Amino acid sequence: MKQHHAQLSRSGHAPLTARALMNLLSQLRGQMLRTRIEPQLFIFRSERTIRIHTFFVCAPLDIAFIDAHRRITRLITLAPNRIACGHGKYLLEMSAHTCPYTIGDTITINYDTPSS
């Protein structure tokens, strides 16, 4: 299965590359059972309530909820074996204390889309 990637950036800051998760199977797996945490961007078809957990995740994560206008609406650090929820069209996961964004930031998101 081909991996898709996304570039996220904010004016004046270096771009961030993340694995783009666009289908249910990849989104269900997320960071579970991985030995290394890498940035991942969950891409949903529309804004929604997003429920997330860190069961079977080896380390704490920074979680950014991003709305359809590509604005960070919630940013949390979630320890392993915890549950959280928020609202957004995108969700960014990365190692704890490494997220370069803050609540209210508007970011640019570019990603390759699967071929039809």
PDB file of N, CA and C in Angstrom:
ATOM      1  N   MET A   1       0.845  -1.180   0.000  1.00  0.00           N
ATOM      2  CA  MET A   1       0.000   0.000   0.000  1.00  0.00           C
ATOM      3  C   MET A   1       0.889   1.242   0.000  1.00  0.00           C
ATOM      4  N   LYS A   2       0.622   2.170  -0.886  1.00  0.00           N
ATOM      5  CA  LYS A   2       1.415   3.387  -1.018  1.00  0.00           C
ATOM      6  C   LYS A   2       1.150   4.318   0.167  1.00  0.00           C
ATOM      7  N   GLN A   3       2.236   4.866   0.708  1.00  0.00           N
ATOM      8  CA  GLN A   3       2.089   5.855   1.772  1.00  0.00           C
ATOM      9  C   GLN A   3       1.929   7.230   1.153  1.00  0.00           C
ATOM     10  N   HIS A   4       1.060   8.025   1.733  1.00  0.00           N
ATOM     11  CA  HIS A   4       0.846   9.398   1.293  1.00  0.00           C
ATOM     12  C   HIS A   4       1.459  10.327   2.331  1.00  0.00           C
ATOM     13  N   HIS A   5       1.910  11.483   1.874  1.00  0.00           N
ATOM     14  CA  HIS A   5       2.549  12.427   2.775  1.00  0.00           C
ATOM     15  C   HIS A   5       1.900  13.802   2.674  1.00  0.00           C
ATOM     16  N   ALA A   6       2.030  14.548   3.744  1.00  0.00           N
ATOM     17  CA  ALA A   6       1.491  15.910   3.806  1.00  0.00           C
ATOM     18  C   ALA A   6       2.597  16.854   4.256  1.00  0.00           C
ATOM     19  N   GLN A   7       2.531  18.070   3.751  1.00  0.00           N
ATOM     20  CA  GLN A   7       3.422  19.145   4.188  1.00  0.00           C
ATOM     21  C   GLN A   7       2.561  20.172   4.927  1.00  0.00           C
ATOM     22  N   LEU A   8       2.934  20.487   6.142  1.00  0.00           N
ATOM     23  CA  LEU A   8       2.242  21.500   6.927  1.00  0.00           C
ATOM     24  C   LEU A   8       3.208  22.640   7.168  1.00  0.00           C
ATOM     25  N   SER A   9       2.720  23.860   7.053  1.00  0.00           N
ATOM     26  CA  SER A   9       3.605  24.996   7.301  1.00  0.00           C
ATOM     27  C   SER A   9       2.810  26.178   7.835  1.00  0.00           C
ATOM     28  N   ARG A  10       3.555  27.053   8.468  1.00  0.00           N
ATOM     29  CA  ARG A  10       3.013  28.300   8.996  1.00  0.00           C
ATOM     30  C   ARG A  10       4.001  29.372   8.602  1.00  0.00           C
ATOM     31  N   SER A  11       3.522  30.504   8.251  1.00  0.00           N
ATOM     32  CA  SER A  11       4.376  31.605   7.794  1.00  0.00           C
ATOM     33  C   SER A  11       5.555  31.817   8.734  1.00  0.00           C
ATOM     34  N   GLY A  12       6.747  31.843   8.150  1.00  0.00           N
ATOM     35  CA  GLY A  12       7.943  32.112   8.926  1.00  0.00           C
ATOM     36  C   GLY A  12       8.544  30.909   9.619  1.00  0.00           C
ATOM     37  N   HIS A  13       7.983  29.712   9.420  1.00  0.00           N
ATOM     38  CA  HIS A  13       8.490  28.512  10.076  1.00  0.00           C
ATOM     39  C   HIS A  13       8.801  27.431   9.041  1.00  0.00           C
ATOM     40  N   ALA A  14       9.714  26.554   9.388  1.00  0.00           N
ATOM     41  CA  ALA A  14      10.081  25.446   8.500  1.00  0.00           C
ATOM     42  C   ALA A  14       8.881  24.512   8.331  1.00  0.00           C
ATOM     43  N   PRO A  15       8.710  23.918   7.134  1.00  0.00           N
ATOM     44  CA  PRO A  15       7.598  22.987   6.926  1.00  0.00           C
ATOM     45  C   PRO A  15       7.797  21.693   7.716  1.00  0.00           C
ATOM     46  N   LEU A  16       6.690  21.063   8.022  1.00  0.00           N
ATOM     47  CA  LEU A  16       6.668  19.797   8.737  1.00  0.00           C
ATOM     48  C   LEU A  16       6.112  18.742   7.785  1.00  0.00           C
ATOM     49  N   THR A  17       6.785  17.611   7.665  1.00  0.00           N
ATOM     50  CA  THR A  17       6.292  16.512   6.834  1.00  0.00           C
ATOM     51  C   THR A  17       5.652  15.474   7.744  1.00  0.00           C
ATOM     52  N   ALA A  18       4.474  14.999   7.352  1.00  0.00           N
ATOM     53  CA  ALA A  18       3.752  13.996   8.130  1.00  0.00           C
ATOM     54  C   ALA A  18       3.200  12.931   7.194  1.00  0.00           C
ATOM     55  N   ARG A  19       3.021  11.746   7.708  1.00  0.00           N
ATOM     56  CA  ARG A  19       2.331  10.696   6.955  1.00  0.00           C
ATOM     57  C   ARG A  19       0.862  11.083   6.911  1.00  0.00           C
ATOM     58  N   ALA A  20       0.262  11.073   5.715  1.00  0.00           N
ATOM     59  CA  ALA A  20      -1.156  11.426   5.548  1.00  0.00           C
ATOM     60  C   ALA A  20      -1.994  10.157   5.638  1.00  0.00           C
ATOM     61  N   LEU A  21      -2.916  10.138   6.587  1.00  0.00           N
ATOM     62  CA  LEU A  21      -3.804   8.987   6.792  1.00  0.00           C
ATOM     63  C   LEU A  21      -5.194   9.371   6.309  1.00  0.00           C
ATOM     64  N   MET A  22      -5.585   8.787   5.161  1.00  0.00           N
ATOM     65  CA  MET A  22      -6.848   9.193   4.535  1.00  0.00           C
ATOM     66  C   MET A  22      -7.902   8.102   4.516  1.00  0.00           C
ATOM     67  N   ASN A  23      -7.545   6.884   4.909  1.00  0.00           N
ATOM     68  CA  ASN A  23      -8.562   5.832   4.893  1.00  0.00           C
ATOM     69  C   ASN A  23      -8.740   5.249   6.295  1.00  0.00           C
ATOM     70  N   LEU A  24      -9.850   4.602   6.490  1.00  0.00           N
ATOM     71  CA  LEU A  24     -10.231   4.104   7.807  1.00  0.00           C
ATOM     72  C   LEU A  24      -9.186   3.160   8.392  1.00  0.00           C
ATOM     73  N   LEU A  25      -8.660   2.255   7.594  1.00  0.00           N
ATOM     74  CA  LEU A  25      -7.697   1.278   8.105  1.00  0.00           C
ATOM     75  C   LEU A  25      -6.441   1.962   8.634  1.00  0.00           C
ATOM     76  N   SER A  26      -5.885   2.896   7.872  1.00  0.00           N
ATOM     77  CA  SER A  26      -4.676   3.581   8.339  1.00  0.00           C
ATOM     78  C   SER A  26      -4.984   4.459   9.551  1.00  0.00           C
ATOM     79  N   GLN A  27      -6.174   5.049   9.586  1.00  0.00           N
ATOM     80  CA  GLN A  27      -6.553   5.884  10.721  1.00  0.00           C
ATOM     81  C   GLN A  27      -6.769   5.048  11.984  1.00  0.00           C
ATOM     82  N   LEU A  28      -7.304   3.832  11.831  1.00  0.00           N
ATOM     83  CA  LEU A  28      -7.484   2.964  12.995  1.00  0.00           C
ATOM     84  C   LEU A  28      -6.146   2.568  13.596  1.00  0.00           C
ATOM     85  N   ARG A  29      -5.145   2.349  12.752  1.00  0.00           N
ATOM     86  CA  ARG A  29      -3.819   1.937  13.231  1.00  0.00           C
ATOM     87  C   ARG A  29      -3.090   3.099  13.892  1.00  0.00           C
ATOM     88  N   GLY A  30      -3.075   4.253  13.238  1.00  0.00           N
ATOM     89  CA  GLY A  30      -2.403   5.421  13.812  1.00  0.00           C
ATOM     90  C   GLY A  30      -1.010   5.098  14.325  1.00  0.00           C
ATOM     91  N   GLN A  31      -0.746   5.440  15.578  1.00  0.00           N
ATOM     92  CA  GLN A  31       0.569   5.200  16.189  1.00  0.00           C
ATOM     93  C   GLN A  31       0.626   3.883  16.964  1.00  0.00           C
ATOM     94  N   MET A  32      -0.485   3.137  16.988  1.00  0.00           N
ATOM     95  CA  MET A  32      -0.524   1.908  17.779  1.00  0.00           C
ATOM     96  C   MET A  32       0.555   0.920  17.342  1.00  0.00           C
ATOM     97  N   LEU A  33       1.207   0.337  18.340  1.00  0.00           N
ATOM     98  CA  LEU A  33       2.196  -0.728  18.170  1.00  0.00           C
ATOM     99  C   LEU A  33       3.426  -0.306  17.377  1.00  0.00           C
ATOM    100  N   ARG A  34       3.626   0.974  17.188  1.00  0.00           N
ATOM    101  CA  ARG A  34       4.834   1.454  16.501  1.00  0.00           C
ATOM    102  C   ARG A  34       5.925   1.685  17.549  1.00  0.00           C
ATOM    103  N   THR A  35       7.161   1.388  17.176  1.00  0.00           N
ATOM    104  CA  THR A  35       8.269   1.580  18.111  1.00  0.00           C
ATOM    105  C   THR A  35       8.834   2.990  18.024  1.00  0.00           C
ATOM    106  N   ARG A  36       8.510   3.703  16.948  1.00  0.00           N
ATOM    107  CA  ARG A  36       8.977   5.080  16.750  1.00  0.00           C
ATOM    108  C   ARG A  36       7.784   5.958  16.394  1.00  0.00           C
ATOM    109  N   ILE A  37       7.680   7.090  17.049  1.00  0.00           N
ATOM    110  CA  ILE A  37       6.585   8.013  16.779  1.00  0.00           C
ATOM    111  C   ILE A  37       7.009   8.947  15.645  1.00  0.00           C
ATOM    112  N   GLU A  38       6.203   8.990  14.594  1.00  0.00           N
ATOM    113  CA  GLU A  38       6.438   9.899  13.478  1.00  0.00           C
ATOM    114  C   GLU A  38       5.191  10.765  13.305  1.00  0.00           C
ATOM    115  N   PRO A  39       5.343  12.003  12.846  1.00  0.00           N
ATOM    116  CA  PRO A  39       4.165  12.844  12.637  1.00  0.00           C
ATOM    117  C   PRO A  39       3.178  12.197  11.666  1.00  0.00           C
ATOM    118  N   GLN A  40       1.900  12.261  12.037  1.00  0.00           N
ATOM    119  CA  GLN A  40       0.837  11.725  11.191  1.00  0.00           C
ATOM    120  C   GLN A  40      -0.303  12.728  11.131  1.00  0.00           C
ATOM    121  N   LEU A  41      -0.849  12.920   9.940  1.00  0.00           N
ATOM    122  CA  LEU A  41      -1.982  13.817   9.745  1.00  0.00           C
ATOM    123  C   LEU A  41      -3.184  12.983   9.306  1.00  0.00           C
ATOM    124  N   PHE A  42      -4.208  12.953  10.146  1.00  0.00           N
ATOM    125  CA  PHE A  42      -5.460  12.278   9.807  1.00  0.00           C
ATOM    126  C   PHE A  42      -6.280  13.271   8.993  1.00  0.00           C
ATOM    127  N   ILE A  43      -6.765  12.844   7.840  1.00  0.00           N
ATOM    128  CA  ILE A  43      -7.547  13.714   6.959  1.00  0.00           C
ATOM    129  C   ILE A  43      -8.944  13.123   6.828  1.00  0.00           C
ATOM    130  N   PHE A  44      -9.946  13.868   7.298  1.00  0.00           N
ATOM    131  CA  PHE A  44     -11.333  13.403   7.241  1.00  0.00           C
ATOM    132  C   PHE A  44     -12.068  14.144   6.131  1.00  0.00           C
ATOM    133  N   ARG A  45     -13.165  13.589   5.663  1.00  0.00           N
ATOM    134  CA  ARG A  45     -13.927  14.197   4.563  1.00  0.00           C
ATOM    135  C   ARG A  45     -14.581  15.510   4.963  1.00  0.00           C
ATOM    136  N   SER A  46     -14.943  15.621   6.225  1.00  0.00           N
ATOM    137  CA  SER A  46     -15.603  16.834   6.704  1.00  0.00           C
ATOM    138  C   SER A  46     -15.283  17.016   8.186  1.00  0.00           C
ATOM    139  N   GLU A  47     -15.609  18.198   8.700  1.00  0.00           N
ATOM    140  CA  GLU A  47     -15.415  18.430  10.136  1.00  0.00           C
ATOM    141  C   GLU A  47     -16.312  17.495  10.918  1.00  0.00           C
ATOM    142  N   ARG A  48     -15.809  17.054  12.053  1.00  0.00           N
ATOM    143  CA  ARG A  48     -16.547  16.102  12.886  1.00  0.00           C
ATOM    144  C   ARG A  48     -15.977  16.090  14.292  1.00  0.00           C
ATOM    145  N   THR A  49     -16.680  15.436  15.182  1.00  0.00           N
ATOM    146  CA  THR A  49     -16.121  15.153  16.495  1.00  0.00           C
ATOM    147  C   THR A  49     -15.138  14.000  16.304  1.00  0.00           C
ATOM    148  N   ILE A  50     -13.931  14.185  16.803  1.00  0.00           N
ATOM    149  CA  ILE A  50     -12.882  13.175  16.654  1.00  0.00           C
ATOM    150  C   ILE A  50     -12.567  12.624  18.036  1.00  0.00           C
ATOM    151  N   ARG A  51     -12.697  11.320  18.170  1.00  0.00           N
ATOM    152  CA  ARG A  51     -12.343  10.646  19.419  1.00  0.00           C
ATOM    153  C   ARG A  51     -11.027   9.916  19.174  1.00  0.00           C
ATOM    154  N   ILE A  52     -10.111  10.064  20.103  1.00  0.00           N
ATOM    155  CA  ILE A  52      -8.786   9.469  19.936  1.00  0.00           C
ATOM    156  C   ILE A  52      -8.370   8.795  21.231  1.00  0.00           C
ATOM    157  N   HIS A  53      -7.580   7.733  21.107  1.00  0.00           N
ATOM    158  CA  HIS A  53      -7.042   7.065  22.294  1.00  0.00           C
ATOM    159  C   HIS A  53      -5.566   6.779  22.068  1.00  0.00           C
ATOM    160  N   THR A  54      -4.869   6.515  23.162  1.00  0.00           N
ATOM    161  CA  THR A  54      -3.453   6.169  23.067  1.00  0.00           C
ATOM    162  C   THR A  54      -3.182   4.786  23.658  1.00  0.00           C
ATOM    163  N   PHE A  55      -4.153   3.884  23.539  1.00  0.00           N
ATOM    164  CA  PHE A  55      -3.925   2.502  23.939  1.00  0.00           C
ATOM    165  C   PHE A  55      -2.926   1.897  22.962  1.00  0.00           C
ATOM    166  N   PHE A  56      -1.992   1.125  23.461  1.00  0.00           N
ATOM    167  CA  PHE A  56      -0.957   0.459  22.648  1.00  0.00           C
ATOM    168  C   PHE A  56      -0.017   1.447  21.958  1.00  0.00           C
ATOM    169  N   VAL A  57       0.086   2.664  22.485  1.00  0.00           N
ATOM    170  CA  VAL A  57       1.026   3.659  21.967  1.00  0.00           C
ATOM    171  C   VAL A  57       2.175   3.737  22.975  1.00  0.00           C
ATOM    172  N   CYS A  58       3.411   3.752  22.473  1.00  0.00           N
ATOM    173  CA  CYS A  58       4.585   3.605  23.338  1.00  0.00           C
ATOM    174  C   CYS A  58       5.007   4.867  24.084  1.00  0.00           C
ATOM    175  N   ALA A  59       4.509   6.039  23.697  1.00  0.00           N
ATOM    176  CA  ALA A  59       4.971   7.282  24.314  1.00  0.00           C
ATOM    177  C   ALA A  59       3.878   8.343  24.229  1.00  0.00           C
ATOM    178  N   PRO A  60       3.986   9.405  25.035  1.00  0.00           N
ATOM    179  CA  PRO A  60       3.000  10.497  24.956  1.00  0.00           C
ATOM    180  C   PRO A  60       3.022  11.167  23.583  1.00  0.00           C
ATOM    181  N   LEU A  61       1.869  11.720  23.197  1.00  0.00           N
ATOM    182  CA  LEU A  61       1.722  12.382  21.893  1.00  0.00           C
ATOM    183  C   LEU A  61       1.228  13.809  22.068  1.00  0.00           C
ATOM    184  N   ASP A  62       1.671  14.690  21.185  1.00  0.00           N
ATOM    185  CA  ASP A  62       1.019  15.985  21.004  1.00  0.00           C
ATOM    186  C   ASP A  62      -0.079  15.754  19.972  1.00  0.00           C
ATOM    187  N   ILE A  63      -1.285  16.239  20.268  1.00  0.00           N
ATOM    188  CA  ILE A  63      -2.434  16.089  19.381  1.00  0.00           C
ATOM    189  C   ILE A  63      -2.961  17.485  19.057  1.00  0.00           C
ATOM    190  N   ALA A  64      -3.040  17.813  17.767  1.00  0.00           N
ATOM    191  CA  ALA A  64      -3.587  19.102  17.339  1.00  0.00           C
ATOM    192  C   ALA A  64      -4.849  18.849  16.525  1.00  0.00           C
ATOM    193  N   PHE A  65      -5.954  19.436  16.954  1.00  0.00           N
ATOM    194  CA  PHE A  65      -7.206  19.383  16.207  1.00  0.00           C
ATOM    195  C   PHE A  65      -7.242  20.602  15.299  1.00  0.00           C
ATOM    196  N   ILE A  66      -7.510  20.389  14.013  1.00  0.00           N
ATOM    197  CA  ILE A  66      -7.434  21.449  13.009  1.00  0.00           C
ATOM    198  C   ILE A  66      -8.770  21.507  12.269  1.00  0.00           C
ATOM    199  N   ASP A  67      -9.380  22.684  12.196  1.00  0.00           N
ATOM    200  CA  ASP A  67     -10.694  22.801  11.551  1.00  0.00           C
ATOM    201  C   ASP A  67     -10.570  22.907  10.031  1.00  0.00           C
ATOM    202  N   ALA A  68     -11.704  23.017   9.353  1.00  0.00           N
ATOM    203  CA  ALA A  68     -11.728  23.069   7.883  1.00  0.00           C
ATOM    204  C   ALA A  68     -11.050  24.322   7.336  1.00  0.00           C
ATOM    205  N   HIS A  69     -10.918  25.363   8.174  1.00  0.00           N
ATOM    206  CA  HIS A  69     -10.217  26.579   7.769  1.00  0.00           C
ATOM    207  C   HIS A  69      -8.718  26.472   8.056  1.00  0.00           C
ATOM    208  N   ARG A  70      -8.314  25.281   8.496  1.00  0.00           N
ATOM    209  CA  ARG A  70      -6.912  24.938   8.774  1.00  0.00           C
ATOM    210  C   ARG A  70      -6.333  25.745   9.939  1.00  0.00           C
ATOM    211  N   ARG A  71      -7.210  25.943  10.920  1.00  0.00           N
ATOM    212  CA  ARG A  71      -6.821  26.661  12.141  1.00  0.00           C
ATOM    213  C   ARG A  71      -6.747  25.661  13.289  1.00  0.00           C
ATOM    214  N   ILE A  72      -5.685  25.756  14.098  1.00  0.00           N
ATOM    215  CA  ILE A  72      -5.531  24.878  15.264  1.00  0.00           C
ATOM    216  C   ILE A  72      -6.557  25.313  16.307  1.00  0.00           C
ATOM    217  N   THR A  73      -7.473  24.395  16.646  1.00  0.00           N
ATOM    218  CA  THR A  73      -8.527  24.738  17.598  1.00  0.00           C
ATOM    219  C   THR A  73      -8.298  24.134  18.986  1.00  0.00           C
ATOM    220  N   ARG A  74      -7.497  23.082  19.039  1.00  0.00           N
ATOM    221  CA  ARG A  74      -7.201  22.454  20.328  1.00  0.00           C
ATOM    222  C   ARG A  74      -5.852  21.775  20.197  1.00  0.00           C
ATOM    223  N   LEU A  75      -5.053  21.879  21.255  1.00  0.00           N
ATOM    224  CA  LEU A  75      -3.730  21.259  21.275  1.00  0.00           C
ATOM    225  C   LEU A  75      -3.532  20.650  22.652  1.00  0.00           C
ATOM    226  N   ILE A  76      -3.293  19.337  22.683  1.00  0.00           N
ATOM    227  CA  ILE A  76      -3.119  18.649  23.962  1.00  0.00           C
ATOM    228  C   ILE A  76      -1.932  17.696  23.875  1.00  0.00           C
ATOM    229  N   THR A  77      -1.404  17.346  25.036  1.00  0.00           N
ATOM    230  CA  THR A  77      -0.427  16.269  25.144  1.00  0.00           C
ATOM    231  C   THR A  77      -1.153  15.125  25.827  1.00  0.00           C
ATOM    232  N   LEU A  78      -1.130  13.970  25.181  1.00  0.00           N
ATOM    233  CA  LEU A  78      -1.905  12.821  25.661  1.00  0.00           C
ATOM    234  C   LEU A  78      -0.959  11.679  26.015  1.00  0.00           C
ATOM    235  N   ALA A  79      -0.984  11.266  27.272  1.00  0.00           N
ATOM    236  CA  ALA A  79      -0.142  10.163  27.745  1.00  0.00           C
ATOM    237  C   ALA A  79      -0.684   8.827  27.213  1.00  0.00           C
ATOM    238  N   PRO A  80       0.134   7.772  27.220  1.00  0.00           N
ATOM    239  CA  PRO A  80      -0.372   6.453  26.816  1.00  0.00           C
ATOM    240  C   PRO A  80      -1.568   6.028  27.670  1.00  0.00           C
ATOM    241  N   ASN A  81      -2.445   5.256  27.061  1.00  0.00           N
ATOM    242  CA  ASN A  81      -3.622   4.690  27.721  1.00  0.00           C
ATOM    243  C   ASN A  81      -4.632   5.738  28.188  1.00  0.00           C
ATOM    244  N   ARG A  82      -4.790   6.784  27.378  1.00  0.00           N
ATOM    245  CA  ARG A  82      -5.758   7.840  27.675  1.00  0.00           C
ATOM    246  C   ARG A  82      -6.693   8.031  26.491  1.00  0.00           C
ATOM    247  N   ILE A  83      -7.799   8.732  26.740  1.00  0.00           N
ATOM    248  CA  ILE A  83      -8.811   9.014  25.708  1.00  0.00           C
ATOM    249  C   ILE A  83      -9.064  10.523  25.695  1.00  0.00           C
ATOM    250  N   ALA A  84      -9.267  11.067  24.498  1.00  0.00           N
ATOM    251  CA  ALA A  84      -9.602  12.498  24.374  1.00  0.00           C
ATOM    252  C   ALA A  84     -10.499  12.677  23.159  1.00  0.00           C
ATOM    253  N   CYS A  85     -11.133  13.838  23.067  1.00  0.00           N
ATOM    254  CA  CYS A  85     -11.905  14.145  21.863  1.00  0.00           C
ATOM    255  C   CYS A  85     -11.837  15.640  21.588  1.00  0.00           C
ATOM    256  N   GLY A  86     -12.120  15.965  20.352  1.00  0.00           N
ATOM    257  CA  GLY A  86     -12.113  17.346  19.908  1.00  0.00           C
ATOM    258  C   GLY A  86     -12.893  17.424  18.616  1.00  0.00           C
ATOM    259  N   HIS A  87     -12.805  18.537  17.933  1.00  0.00           N
ATOM    260  CA  HIS A  87     -13.564  18.739  16.712  1.00  0.00           C
ATOM    261  C   HIS A  87     -12.606  19.207  15.628  1.00  0.00           C
ATOM    262  N   GLY A  88     -12.766  18.678  14.417  1.00  0.00           N
ATOM    263  CA  GLY A  88     -11.914  19.136  13.330  1.00  0.00           C
ATOM    264  C   GLY A  88     -12.100  18.347  12.049  1.00  0.00           C
ATOM    265  N   LYS A  89     -11.411  18.792  11.022  1.00  0.00           N
ATOM    266  CA  LYS A  89     -11.347  18.082   9.743  1.00  0.00           C
ATOM    267  C   LYS A  89     -10.017  17.343   9.628  1.00  0.00           C
ATOM    268  N   TYR A  90      -9.028  17.825  10.389  1.00  0.00           N
ATOM    269  CA  TYR A  90      -7.700  17.223  10.397  1.00  0.00           C
ATOM    270  C   TYR A  90      -7.276  17.003  11.845  1.00  0.00           C
ATOM    271  N   LEU A  91      -6.426  16.013  12.035  1.00  0.00           N
ATOM    272  CA  LEU A  91      -5.859  15.753  13.348  1.00  0.00           C
ATOM    273  C   LEU A  91      -4.375  15.457  13.142  1.00  0.00           C
ATOM    274  N   LEU A  92      -3.519  16.176  13.832  1.00  0.00           N
ATOM    275  CA  LEU A  92      -2.077  15.972  13.729  1.00  0.00           C
ATOM    276  C   LEU A  92      -1.574  15.310  15.003  1.00  0.00           C
ATOM    277  N   GLU A  93      -0.837  14.197  14.840  1.00  0.00           N
ATOM    278  CA  GLU A  93      -0.209  13.492  15.956  1.00  0.00           C
ATOM    279  C   GLU A  93       1.303  13.543  15.775  1.00  0.00           C
ATOM    280  N   MET A  94       2.007  13.789  16.868  1.00  0.00           N
ATOM    281  CA  MET A  94       3.476  13.743  16.839  1.00  0.00           C
ATOM    282  C   MET A  94       3.982  13.521  18.259  1.00  0.00           C
ATOM    283  N   SER A  95       5.271  13.277  18.398  1.00  0.00           N
ATOM    284  CA  SER A  95       5.850  13.067  19.724  1.00  0.00           C
ATOM    285  C   SER A  95       5.524  14.245  20.642  1.00  0.00           C
ATOM    286  N   ALA A  96       5.336  13.936  21.918  1.00  0.00           N
ATOM    287  CA  ALA A  96       4.988  14.970  22.900  1.00  0.00           C
ATOM    288  C   ALA A  96       6.035  16.072  22.942  1.00  0.00           C
ATOM    289  N   HIS A  97       5.564  17.299  23.086  1.00  0.00           N
ATOM    290  CA  HIS A  97       6.393  18.496  23.247  1.00  0.00           C
ATOM    291  C   HIS A  97       7.219  18.840  22.012  1.00  0.00           C
ATOM    292  N   THR A  98       6.745  18.390  20.826  1.00  0.00           N
ATOM    293  CA  THR A  98       7.458  18.712  19.583  1.00  0.00           C
ATOM    294  C   THR A  98       6.592  19.481  18.600  1.00  0.00           C
ATOM    295  N   CYS A  99       5.323  19.704  18.909  1.00  0.00           N
ATOM    296  CA  CYS A  99       4.434  20.406  17.981  1.00  0.00           C
ATOM    297  C   CYS A  99       4.844  21.877  17.874  1.00  0.00           C
ATOM    298  N   PRO A 100       5.117  22.341  16.649  1.00  0.00           N
ATOM    299  CA  PRO A 100       5.564  23.725  16.482  1.00  0.00           C
ATOM    300  C   PRO A 100       4.436  24.753  16.437  1.00  0.00           C
ATOM    301  N   TYR A 101       3.191  24.305  16.607  1.00  0.00           N
ATOM    302  CA  TYR A 101       2.035  25.191  16.459  1.00  0.00           C
ATOM    303  C   TYR A 101       1.405  25.495  17.809  1.00  0.00           C
ATOM    304  N   THR A 102       0.582  26.550  17.835  1.00  0.00           N
ATOM    305  CA  THR A 102      -0.170  26.905  19.031  1.00  0.00           C
ATOM    306  C   THR A 102      -1.643  27.085  18.644  1.00  0.00           C
ATOM    307  N   ILE A 103      -2.510  27.082  19.624  1.00  0.00           N
ATOM    308  CA  ILE A 103      -3.940  27.269  19.373  1.00  0.00           C
ATOM    309  C   ILE A 103      -4.146  28.612  18.677  1.00  0.00           C
ATOM    310  N   GLY A 104      -4.941  28.603  17.625  1.00  0.00           N
ATOM    311  CA  GLY A 104      -5.226  29.815  16.864  1.00  0.00           C
ATOM    312  C   GLY A 104      -4.378  29.960  15.616  1.00  0.00           C
ATOM    313  N   ASP A 105      -3.269  29.220  15.526  1.00  0.00           N
ATOM    314  CA  ASP A 105      -2.445  29.282  14.314  1.00  0.00           C
ATOM    315  C   ASP A 105      -3.239  28.780  13.113  1.00  0.00           C
ATOM    316  N   THR A 106      -3.085  29.454  11.993  1.00  0.00           N
ATOM    317  CA  THR A 106      -3.619  28.974  10.718  1.00  0.00           C
ATOM    318  C   THR A 106      -2.440  28.435   9.933  1.00  0.00           C
ATOM    319  N   ILE A 107      -2.579  27.213   9.443  1.00  0.00           N
ATOM    320  CA  ILE A 107      -1.473  26.563   8.753  1.00  0.00           C
ATOM    321  C   ILE A 107      -1.869  26.204   7.327  1.00  0.00           C
ATOM    322  N   THR A 108      -0.868  26.025   6.499  1.00  0.00           N
ATOM    323  CA  THR A 108      -1.067  25.547   5.135  1.00  0.00           C
ATOM    324  C   THR A 108      -0.869  24.040   5.156  1.00  0.00           C
ATOM    325  N   ILE A 109      -1.779  23.316   4.513  1.00  0.00           N
ATOM    326  CA  ILE A 109      -1.675  21.855   4.434  1.00  0.00           C
ATOM    327  C   ILE A 109      -1.728  21.456   2.963  1.00  0.00           C
ATOM    328  N   ASN A 110      -0.698  20.789   2.496  1.00  0.00           N
ATOM    329  CA  ASN A 110      -0.666  20.245   1.151  1.00  0.00           C
ATOM    330  C   ASN A 110      -0.405  18.749   1.252  1.00  0.00           C
ATOM    331  N   TYR A 111      -1.185  17.957   0.505  1.00  0.00           N
ATOM    332  CA  TYR A 111      -0.967  16.511   0.533  1.00  0.00           C
ATOM    333  C   TYR A 111      -1.297  15.926  -0.832  1.00  0.00           C
ATOM    334  N   ASP A 112      -0.642  14.791  -1.096  1.00  0.00           N
ATOM    335  CA  ASP A 112      -0.932  14.069  -2.318  1.00  0.00           C
ATOM    336  C   ASP A 112      -2.180  13.232  -2.083  1.00  0.00           C
ATOM    337  N   THR A 113      -3.013  13.139  -3.099  1.00  0.00           N
ATOM    338  CA  THR A 113      -4.271  12.397  -2.964  1.00  0.00           C
ATOM    339  C   THR A 113      -4.146  11.059  -3.684  1.00  0.00           C
ATOM    340  N   PRO A 114      -4.859  10.046  -3.187  1.00  0.00           N
ATOM    341  CA  PRO A 114      -4.804   8.740  -3.832  1.00  0.00           C
ATOM    342  C   PRO A 114      -5.341   8.809  -5.258  1.00  0.00           C
ATOM    343  N   SER A 115      -4.765   8.019  -6.137  1.00  0.00           N
ATOM    344  CA  SER A 115      -5.266   7.945  -7.509  1.00  0.00           C
ATOM    345  C   SER A 115      -6.605   7.236  -7.533  1.00  0.00           C
ATOM    346  N   SER A 116      -7.474   7.656  -8.427  1.00  0.00           N
ATOM    347  CA  SER A 116      -8.789   7.028  -8.516  1.00  0.00           C
ATOM    348  C   SER A 116      -8.714   5.762  -9.322  1.00  0.00           C
TER     349      SER A 116
END
